[in-house]
Structure formats: C-alpha cells, structure tokens
Amino acid sequence: MARELVWTGFMTLDGVVDSPGGSSEGHRSGGWVLNTEFLPEAFALKGEELQETTALMFGRRSYEAFAPIWAESEDHADYKELPKYVVSTSLQEGALVENWGPITLLRSTEDIAALKQGDGGAIFIHGSAELARSLMDAGLIDRYNLLIFPALLGTGKRLFTAEDHDTMKLALRESAHYANGVIKAVYDVRR
C-alpha cells in the first residue's frame, strides 16, 4: 500500500497561505494566525497529526525557513528524529541543518512518487505551497488538512492554483468550527 502524502497548514478564507506567523515571512499582512484569538481546540488538529506523521516533507524555501527554528524548538521536539525530505533541484547536502534527524534531498516529482511507493506511514508537507501545487498537478497529494482562518488578504501565495485543470474531487473526512472563527476541514483526494 502506498504511503499517504498530506498537505497540512493554515490558510485564510481567500486561500492565502503566505506568512501566517508574521510579516517577516514576506506578506505585509503577515501574522494573521497570531492575530486570531487562541483557542487550544482550534489547533488540536496539529497534535492529532503527530500521531500519524512518520516523515516530513518541505520545499526548499519552507525548509530554509522552518529548519533552523524547528530543529531547536521545544514545540517541535516530536519532529526532531522523524525522517525529513526536502524537495529541491538547487539545495546542496552541505546546506542541510545538522542535529535534526535524517534528511534526504529529493530532486523531482518522480523521486516523490517512488518514495510514496515505499514502506512507511503518512508523510506530512508543511508550508511549501509551490511544492504542493506541483504535487497536486502530478496527482501525488492524498489529503489536505486545512485550518482556515477568518481573514481576507486579497493577495499572497496560495495553495491552490488559479490555472485551468481537470476537476479534482475531494471527500470531506472531518470538519469543525470554533468560536474564534477558525474552520477545520480535512479532505481526502478521490481517485
């Protein structure tokens, strides 16, 4: 049985995934997650994901943003020894963060397709919108775990492409809404 590839992340109601943690990440309205009232139950999905995560995957830019912080973060200690895959045609082995468990560079969607056919459980993609779009186009993403925030940014990086493509059918696995306006939506890709 193939490994499941799951994109997980925060998104605004208008589909922007850019700079949820702060404007230093690039978007002038960054920090929209931090500007939403914190309710633990609205973030419970992140804890649930840890139970099924067997590996992490990042695009180069997300890896370069997350790795230096997550490698030393107590909040992300459970990720430390998990295998990590970084998809990049330009990143070199010498640029990988040390002391953050096993890290493998993948160079193509073919490498990712082969990884999915191997043994192991779910691989979670954090951030990495550009990577997610290319994997979506290649039919490699199996599930979307979305936390949708009550904000409209108008512009920014989006998870889903505006390009014309065949309909991708999704099946709602789970949903919930919270008093702070956050919506959890977990969708399986139907094939």
Protein backbone atom coordinates (compact mmCIF):
# COMPACT_ATOMS: atom_id res chain seq x y z
CA MET A 1 0.00 0.00 0.00
CA ALA A 2 1.32 3.43 -0.93
CA ARG A 3 2.30 5.97 1.69
CA GLU A 4 -0.17 8.81 2.15
CA LEU A 5 1.05 12.31 1.27
CA VAL A 6 -0.75 15.00 3.29
CA TRP A 7 -0.54 18.77 2.91
CA THR A 8 -1.21 20.47 6.24
CA GLY A 9 -1.34 24.11 7.07
CA PHE A 10 -3.02 27.37 7.82
CA MET A 11 -4.95 29.29 5.17
CA THR A 12 -7.03 32.45 5.03
CA LEU A 13 -10.61 32.28 3.86
CA ASP A 14 -9.47 33.57 0.45
CA GLY A 15 -6.89 30.81 0.14
CA VAL A 16 -3.67 32.63 1.07
CA VAL A 17 -1.07 30.55 2.92
CA ASP A 18 1.61 33.26 2.91
CA SER A 19 3.15 34.48 6.18
CA PRO A 20 0.79 33.06 8.80
CA GLY A 21 3.32 33.68 11.59
CA GLY A 22 4.49 37.20 10.81
CA SER A 23 5.28 39.90 8.28
CA SER A 24 8.96 38.92 8.38
CA GLU A 25 7.88 35.94 6.26
CA GLY A 26 7.08 38.24 3.36
CA HIS A 27 3.44 39.36 3.36
CA ARG A 28 2.63 42.87 4.59
CA SER A 29 -0.37 41.46 6.46
CA GLY A 30 1.59 38.53 7.86
CA GLY A 31 0.83 37.19 11.30
CA TRP A 32 -2.84 36.55 10.65
CA VAL A 33 -2.71 33.30 12.70
CA LEU A 34 -1.30 35.21 15.68
CA ASN A 35 -3.96 37.90 15.27
CA THR A 36 -6.73 35.33 15.77
CA GLU A 37 -7.85 34.56 19.32
CA PHE A 38 -6.01 31.44 20.50
CA LEU A 39 -8.29 28.55 21.37
CA PRO A 40 -6.49 25.23 22.03
CA GLU A 41 -9.31 23.21 20.49
CA ALA A 42 -8.89 25.09 17.19
CA PHE A 43 -5.30 23.83 16.97
CA ALA A 44 -5.98 20.26 18.18
CA LEU A 45 -5.56 19.03 14.59
CA LYS A 46 -1.83 19.75 14.84
CA GLY A 47 -1.49 17.44 17.86
CA GLU A 48 -3.59 14.76 16.15
CA GLU A 49 -1.28 14.89 13.14
CA LEU A 50 1.70 13.99 15.28
CA GLN A 51 0.13 10.60 15.98
CA GLU A 52 0.23 9.64 12.30
CA THR A 53 3.24 11.57 10.98
CA THR A 54 6.06 9.22 10.04
CA ALA A 55 8.03 11.74 7.95
CA LEU A 56 8.04 15.42 6.97
CA MET A 57 8.44 16.96 3.53
CA PHE A 58 9.34 20.52 2.59
CA GLY A 59 10.11 22.57 -0.47
CA ARG A 60 13.46 24.38 -0.33
CA ARG A 61 12.14 27.78 0.83
CA SER A 62 9.95 26.32 3.57
CA TYR A 63 12.79 24.06 4.69
CA GLU A 64 15.17 27.03 4.91
CA ALA A 65 12.57 28.97 6.94
CA PHE A 66 11.47 26.16 9.27
CA ALA A 67 14.57 24.01 9.82
CA PRO A 68 16.73 26.45 11.82
CA ILE A 69 13.79 27.20 14.14
CA TRP A 70 12.11 23.79 14.41
CA ALA A 71 15.41 21.95 14.98
CA GLU A 72 15.84 23.80 18.30
CA SER A 73 12.16 24.36 19.20
CA GLU A 74 10.59 22.56 22.16
CA ASP A 75 7.22 22.98 20.42
CA HIS A 76 8.54 20.86 17.54
CA ALA A 77 10.62 18.36 19.54
CA ASP A 78 8.45 15.46 18.35
CA TYR A 79 9.62 16.16 14.79
CA LYS A 80 13.33 16.07 15.62
CA GLU A 81 14.09 12.42 14.85
CA LEU A 82 11.49 11.91 12.12
CA PRO A 83 12.84 11.42 8.60
CA LYS A 84 12.66 14.62 6.57
CA TYR A 85 12.56 15.02 2.82
CA VAL A 86 13.49 18.29 1.13
CA VAL A 87 12.46 18.70 -2.49
CA SER A 88 14.87 20.96 -4.34
CA THR A 89 16.92 21.00 -7.51
CA SER A 90 19.35 23.58 -6.09
CA LEU A 91 19.88 22.86 -2.37
CA GLN A 92 23.13 21.02 -1.65
CA GLU A 93 23.83 18.43 1.09
CA GLY A 94 26.20 20.84 2.86
CA ALA A 95 23.36 23.34 3.39
CA LEU A 96 21.23 20.92 5.43
CA VAL A 97 20.68 21.63 9.13
CA GLU A 98 22.58 19.30 11.43
CA ASN A 99 21.14 17.57 14.50
CA TRP A 100 17.60 17.39 13.12
CA GLY A 101 17.31 13.73 12.34
CA PRO A 102 17.74 12.11 8.94
CA ILE A 103 17.29 14.49 5.99
CA THR A 104 17.12 13.34 2.38
CA LEU A 105 17.15 15.55 -0.71
CA LEU A 106 14.67 14.68 -3.44
CA ARG A 107 15.17 16.23 -6.87
CA SER A 108 11.93 15.51 -8.78
CA THR A 109 8.28 14.51 -8.61
CA GLU A 110 9.45 11.09 -9.82
CA ASP A 111 11.56 10.79 -6.64
CA ILE A 112 8.47 11.65 -4.58
CA ALA A 113 6.31 9.14 -6.44
CA ALA A 114 8.93 6.44 -5.75
CA LEU A 115 9.07 7.43 -2.06
CA LYS A 116 5.28 7.08 -1.81
CA GLN A 117 5.52 3.51 -3.11
CA GLY A 118 7.94 2.52 -0.34
CA ASP A 119 7.20 1.27 3.16
CA GLY A 120 6.11 3.60 5.94
CA GLY A 121 3.20 5.73 7.01
CA ALA A 122 1.96 9.22 6.26
CA ILE A 123 4.30 11.97 5.06
CA PHE A 124 3.19 15.48 6.01
CA ILE A 125 4.04 18.55 3.93
CA HIS A 126 4.23 21.78 5.95
CA GLY A 127 4.08 25.12 4.11
CA SER A 128 5.69 24.60 0.72
CA ALA A 129 2.82 25.93 -1.40
CA GLU A 130 4.79 25.78 -4.66
CA LEU A 131 5.77 22.16 -3.99
CA ALA A 132 2.18 21.31 -3.05
CA ARG A 133 0.87 22.75 -6.33
CA SER A 134 3.34 20.69 -8.39
CA LEU A 135 2.46 17.54 -6.41
CA MET A 136 -1.24 18.28 -6.83
CA ASP A 137 -0.74 18.57 -10.60
CA ALA A 138 1.14 15.25 -10.57
CA GLY A 139 -1.68 13.56 -8.63
CA LEU A 140 0.54 12.78 -5.64
CA ILE A 141 -1.28 14.50 -2.76
CA ASP A 142 -3.76 12.26 -0.97
CA ARG A 143 -5.19 14.54 1.72
CA TYR A 144 -5.48 18.18 2.75
CA ASN A 145 -5.59 19.08 6.46
CA LEU A 146 -6.70 22.71 6.50
CA LEU A 147 -7.17 25.20 9.30
CA ILE A 148 -8.97 28.10 7.65
CA PHE A 149 -8.69 31.47 9.39
CA PRO A 150 -11.25 34.31 9.32
CA ALA A 151 -9.10 36.73 7.33
CA LEU A 152 -9.07 38.01 3.76
CA LEU A 153 -5.68 39.15 2.47
CA GLY A 154 -6.51 39.58 -1.20
CA THR A 155 -3.05 38.67 -2.42
CA GLY A 156 -0.25 36.32 -1.47
CA LYS A 157 0.89 32.76 -2.02
CA ARG A 158 -1.98 30.37 -2.47
CA LEU A 159 -2.06 26.65 -2.00
CA PHE A 160 -4.42 26.02 -4.89
CA THR A 161 -3.53 27.15 -8.37
CA ALA A 162 -5.59 29.54 -10.48
CA GLU A 163 -4.56 27.57 -13.58
CA ASP A 164 -7.15 25.67 -15.55
CA HIS A 165 -7.00 21.93 -14.86
CA ASP A 166 -9.24 18.89 -14.67
CA THR A 167 -11.60 18.76 -11.72
CA MET A 168 -10.06 17.27 -8.60
CA LYS A 169 -12.74 15.67 -6.49
CA LEU A 170 -12.42 15.75 -2.71
CA ALA A 171 -14.27 13.87 0.02
CA LEU A 172 -14.77 15.60 3.36
CA ARG A 173 -13.27 13.37 6.05
CA GLU A 174 -13.75 15.68 9.00
CA SER A 175 -14.78 19.25 9.78
CA ALA A 176 -15.34 21.51 12.75
CA HIS A 177 -15.70 25.19 13.50
CA TYR A 178 -14.59 27.13 16.54
CA ALA A 179 -15.68 30.23 18.44
CA ASN A 180 -12.68 32.21 17.14
CA GLY A 181 -13.89 31.75 13.55
CA VAL A 182 -11.34 29.07 12.56
CA ILE A 183 -12.66 26.18 10.48
CA LYS A 184 -11.04 22.74 10.33
CA ALA A 185 -11.54 20.94 7.02
CA VAL A 186 -9.88 17.61 6.28
CA TYR A 187 -10.34 16.39 2.70
CA ASP A 188 -9.28 13.16 1.04
CA VAL A 189 -8.50 13.32 -2.67
CA ARG A 190 -10.85 10.99 -4.55
CA ARG A 191 -9.29 8.96 -7.32
